[in-house]
Amino acid sequence: VVAVKQGLPDHGTIYVGAHHDTALEPFNGPGANDNASGIGVMLAAAEVLAGEEMTSTVKFIAFGAEELRMVGSGRYVRGLSWGDKTTAIGMLNLDCVGIGEELRLIFKKSDHLDFARSLSVEADYIGKSRWGASDHEPFAAAGIPAVSFNMREIGGSACGPNYHSMDDTADTLQVEALQRVGTNLIIALRNLDEQSESRPIWKVYLPVAAT
């Protein structure tokens, strides 16, 4: 499911994503933290930004089949054109953001550290992914800077104590965690938009073609 907030021509695209599927058999969990929390924060951010003028185009995407090794986001990225990938500003992913005191920005490729820092998010940890996988990874593999927002309990696991279980219910979510991620997601989007510059595709294509 894709919603587009159209920006100015040639100012690039920011992708925001979260997966809407939940754990498969034998878990069959309700999926409140993994990952209704991410979908909820993404929808709230989209509602806040709907009335704001932005130069960049922002695409909010609810991916399916993340639990099947990111089939949904992988297919979406494979469908992007060379121009889409070249003009992409970056991808912000939301996964398991409803439980915990620590806000973490994680990425797959080491050279995306500068992108993570450029968001000016008040994170407790910014670093390379050491756990599992999520929908930012196909974007990173395609050369698009990508980070994932995650909340974690101090000393706990990435997706909380109820990960992939029937106990992953809405009553376990923490409003403070959701609010913190939502606030910082909006900060990140506004900062990326302020940093965006006009990059007509022909200006990108001609130097490449000349080589």
Protein backbone atom coordinates (compact mmCIF):
# COMPACT_ATOMS: atom_id res chain seq x y z
CA VAL A 1 0.00 0.00 0.00
CA VAL A 2 1.60 3.28 -1.13
CA ALA A 3 0.63 6.88 -0.34
CA VAL A 4 2.48 9.73 -2.04
CA LYS A 5 3.00 13.29 -0.84
CA GLN A 6 4.15 15.00 -4.01
CA GLY A 7 6.99 17.48 -3.78
CA LEU A 8 8.63 19.72 -6.36
CA PRO A 9 10.04 18.26 -9.58
CA ASP A 10 13.63 17.04 -9.48
CA HIS A 11 13.97 17.23 -5.68
CA GLY A 12 14.16 13.50 -5.11
CA THR A 13 12.11 11.02 -3.09
CA ILE A 14 12.19 9.98 0.54
CA TYR A 15 10.79 6.51 1.23
CA VAL A 16 9.15 5.69 4.57
CA GLY A 17 8.23 2.07 5.20
CA ALA A 18 6.84 -0.40 7.72
CA HIS A 19 5.63 -3.97 7.28
CA HIS A 20 1.99 -4.81 7.95
CA ASP A 21 2.32 -8.60 8.12
CA THR A 22 2.94 -10.49 11.33
CA ALA A 23 4.64 -13.71 12.38
CA LEU A 24 3.83 -16.85 10.43
CA GLU A 25 3.12 -20.32 11.73
CA PRO A 26 3.86 -21.70 14.23
CA PHE A 27 3.85 -18.28 15.97
CA ASN A 28 0.71 -16.62 14.55
CA GLY A 29 1.12 -13.70 16.94
CA PRO A 30 -1.18 -10.66 16.93
CA GLY A 31 1.79 -8.49 15.92
CA ALA A 32 1.17 -5.36 17.97
CA ASN A 33 4.82 -4.39 18.33
CA ASP A 34 5.97 -6.39 15.30
CA ASN A 35 4.73 -4.48 13.47
CA ALA A 36 1.45 -2.63 14.00
CA SER A 37 3.55 -0.17 16.00
CA GLY A 38 5.56 0.77 12.91
CA ILE A 39 2.46 1.10 10.74
CA GLY A 40 0.75 3.27 13.36
CA VAL A 41 3.71 5.65 13.68
CA MET A 42 4.01 5.91 9.90
CA LEU A 43 0.32 6.79 9.53
CA ALA A 44 0.54 9.38 12.29
CA ALA A 45 3.59 10.99 10.66
CA ALA A 46 1.85 11.07 7.30
CA GLU A 47 -1.13 12.81 8.90
CA VAL A 48 1.13 15.45 10.48
CA LEU A 49 3.02 16.14 7.26
CA ALA A 50 -0.04 16.11 5.00
CA GLY A 51 -0.63 19.82 5.55
CA GLU A 52 3.01 20.89 5.25
CA GLU A 53 4.76 22.11 2.12
CA MET A 54 7.74 19.93 1.24
CA THR A 55 10.17 20.16 -1.64
CA SER A 56 10.92 16.42 -1.67
CA THR A 57 8.39 13.78 -2.61
CA VAL A 58 7.64 11.42 0.28
CA LYS A 59 6.32 7.91 -0.32
CA PHE A 60 4.76 6.13 2.66
CA ILE A 61 4.70 2.37 2.05
CA ALA A 62 3.12 -0.48 4.00
CA PHE A 63 4.98 -3.61 2.92
CA GLY A 64 3.65 -7.14 3.00
CA ALA A 65 5.65 -10.34 3.48
CA GLU A 66 8.50 -8.90 5.53
CA GLU A 67 8.37 -12.07 7.60
CA LEU A 68 9.02 -14.02 4.39
CA ARG A 69 12.53 -12.62 4.05
CA MET A 70 11.33 -9.21 2.90
CA VAL A 71 9.52 -10.39 -0.21
CA GLY A 72 7.32 -7.27 -0.34
CA SER A 73 10.00 -4.61 -0.01
CA GLY A 74 12.36 -6.63 -2.19
CA ARG A 75 9.81 -6.73 -4.99
CA TYR A 76 9.12 -3.02 -4.61
CA VAL A 77 12.80 -2.12 -4.90
CA ARG A 78 13.25 -4.37 -7.94
CA GLY A 79 10.46 -2.39 -9.57
CA LEU A 80 12.27 0.93 -9.16
CA SER A 81 13.82 2.38 -12.29
CA TRP A 82 17.43 3.51 -12.57
CA GLY A 83 16.14 7.07 -12.29
CA ASP A 84 14.15 6.25 -9.16
CA LYS A 85 17.22 4.80 -7.47
CA THR A 86 19.49 7.61 -8.57
CA THR A 87 17.22 10.38 -7.32
CA ALA A 88 16.26 8.62 -4.07
CA ILE A 89 17.24 10.65 -1.03
CA GLY A 90 16.93 7.77 1.40
CA MET A 91 14.68 5.25 3.13
CA LEU A 92 13.43 5.35 6.72
CA ASN A 93 12.04 2.09 8.08
CA LEU A 94 9.95 1.48 11.21
CA ASP A 95 10.04 -1.91 12.88
CA CYS A 96 9.24 -2.82 16.49
CA VAL A 97 8.95 0.74 17.77
CA GLY A 98 6.35 0.28 20.52
CA ILE A 99 8.33 -1.08 23.48
CA GLY A 100 11.52 0.18 25.10
CA GLU A 101 13.47 3.13 26.42
CA GLU A 102 16.30 3.18 23.86
CA LEU A 103 15.81 4.63 20.39
CA ARG A 104 18.10 2.95 17.89
CA LEU A 105 18.93 3.81 14.29
CA ILE A 106 20.36 0.78 12.57
CA PHE A 107 21.66 0.28 9.06
CA LYS A 108 23.04 -2.56 6.95
CA LYS A 109 25.90 -0.88 5.09
CA SER A 110 28.72 0.90 6.88
CA ASP A 111 28.75 3.78 4.39
CA HIS A 112 25.23 4.73 5.47
CA LEU A 113 26.46 5.98 8.83
CA ASP A 114 26.72 9.56 7.58
CA PHE A 115 23.16 9.37 6.29
CA ALA A 116 21.94 8.17 9.69
CA ARG A 117 23.75 11.01 11.42
CA SER A 118 22.40 13.59 8.97
CA LEU A 119 18.87 12.91 10.23
CA SER A 120 19.71 14.75 13.50
CA VAL A 121 17.63 12.25 15.46
CA GLU A 122 18.10 12.06 19.24
CA ALA A 123 19.00 8.37 19.19
CA ASP A 124 20.63 6.40 21.98
CA TYR A 125 22.44 4.22 19.48
CA ILE A 126 23.40 4.58 15.82
CA GLY A 127 25.14 1.61 14.31
CA LYS A 128 25.26 -1.32 11.96
CA SER A 129 22.56 -3.96 12.24
CA ARG A 130 23.41 -6.92 14.45
CA TRP A 131 20.01 -8.57 14.41
CA GLY A 132 17.63 -10.09 11.93
CA ALA A 133 16.50 -8.18 8.91
CA SER A 134 13.89 -5.64 7.93
CA ASP A 135 12.56 -3.70 4.97
CA HIS A 136 15.36 -1.13 4.83
CA GLU A 137 17.78 -3.78 3.64
CA PRO A 138 16.58 -4.17 0.01
CA PHE A 139 16.87 -0.40 -0.38
CA ALA A 140 20.39 -0.46 1.03
CA ALA A 141 21.34 -3.30 -1.31
CA ALA A 142 20.16 -1.15 -4.23
CA GLY A 143 22.46 1.69 -3.18
CA ILE A 144 19.81 3.83 -1.48
CA PRO A 145 20.82 5.14 1.97
CA ALA A 146 18.55 3.39 4.46
CA VAL A 147 18.08 3.17 8.22
CA SER A 148 15.58 1.46 10.49
CA PHE A 149 14.05 2.99 13.61
CA ASN A 150 13.80 0.54 16.52
CA MET A 151 12.92 0.84 20.20
CA ARG A 152 14.57 -1.52 22.66
CA GLU A 153 14.43 -2.14 26.37
CA ILE A 154 17.77 -1.61 28.11
CA GLY A 155 19.51 -4.96 27.95
CA GLY A 156 16.60 -6.42 26.00
CA SER A 157 16.06 -7.81 22.52
CA ALA A 158 15.29 -5.83 19.38
CA CYS A 159 11.56 -6.55 19.28
CA GLY A 160 10.72 -6.84 22.95
CA PRO A 161 9.90 -9.71 25.28
CA ASN A 162 6.84 -10.82 23.30
CA TYR A 163 8.53 -11.15 19.92
CA HIS A 164 6.78 -13.59 17.60
CA SER A 165 4.37 -14.82 20.22
CA MET A 166 0.68 -14.68 21.10
CA ASP A 167 1.59 -12.16 23.82
CA ASP A 168 2.48 -9.46 21.26
CA THR A 169 -0.74 -7.59 22.02
CA ALA A 170 -1.73 -3.93 21.98
CA ASP A 171 -1.91 -3.63 25.76
CA THR A 172 1.86 -4.22 25.98
CA LEU A 173 2.75 -1.20 23.84
CA GLN A 174 4.17 1.90 25.49
CA VAL A 175 2.79 5.26 24.43
CA GLU A 176 6.05 7.01 25.29
CA ALA A 177 8.01 4.78 22.92
CA LEU A 178 5.57 5.37 20.07
CA GLN A 179 5.59 9.12 20.64
CA ARG A 180 9.36 9.28 20.73
CA VAL A 181 9.73 7.46 17.45
CA GLY A 182 6.99 9.51 15.80
CA THR A 183 8.52 12.80 16.92
CA ASN A 184 11.97 11.82 15.70
CA LEU A 185 10.66 10.43 12.42
CA ILE A 186 9.09 13.80 11.65
CA ILE A 187 12.34 15.55 12.64
CA ALA A 188 14.25 13.26 10.28
CA LEU A 189 11.87 13.86 7.39
CA ARG A 190 11.95 17.62 7.84
CA ASN A 191 15.75 17.61 8.01
CA LEU A 192 16.07 15.52 4.87
CA ASP A 193 13.66 17.82 3.09
CA GLU A 194 15.60 20.91 4.13
CA GLN A 195 18.80 19.34 2.82
CA SER A 196 17.31 18.39 -0.54
CA GLU A 197 18.43 20.18 -3.68
CA SER A 198 17.21 20.18 -7.25
CA ARG A 199 18.89 17.34 -9.18
CA PRO A 200 17.37 16.99 -12.65
CA ILE A 201 17.86 13.46 -13.90
CA TRP A 202 19.73 14.67 -17.00
CA LYS A 203 22.40 16.24 -14.79
CA VAL A 204 22.92 12.85 -13.16
CA TYR A 205 22.69 10.87 -16.41
CA LEU A 206 25.05 12.88 -18.63
CA PRO A 207 28.21 12.45 -16.48
CA VAL A 208 27.49 8.72 -16.24
CA ALA A 209 26.87 8.43 -19.99
CA ALA A 210 30.08 10.33 -20.72
CA THR A 211 32.14 7.69 -18.95
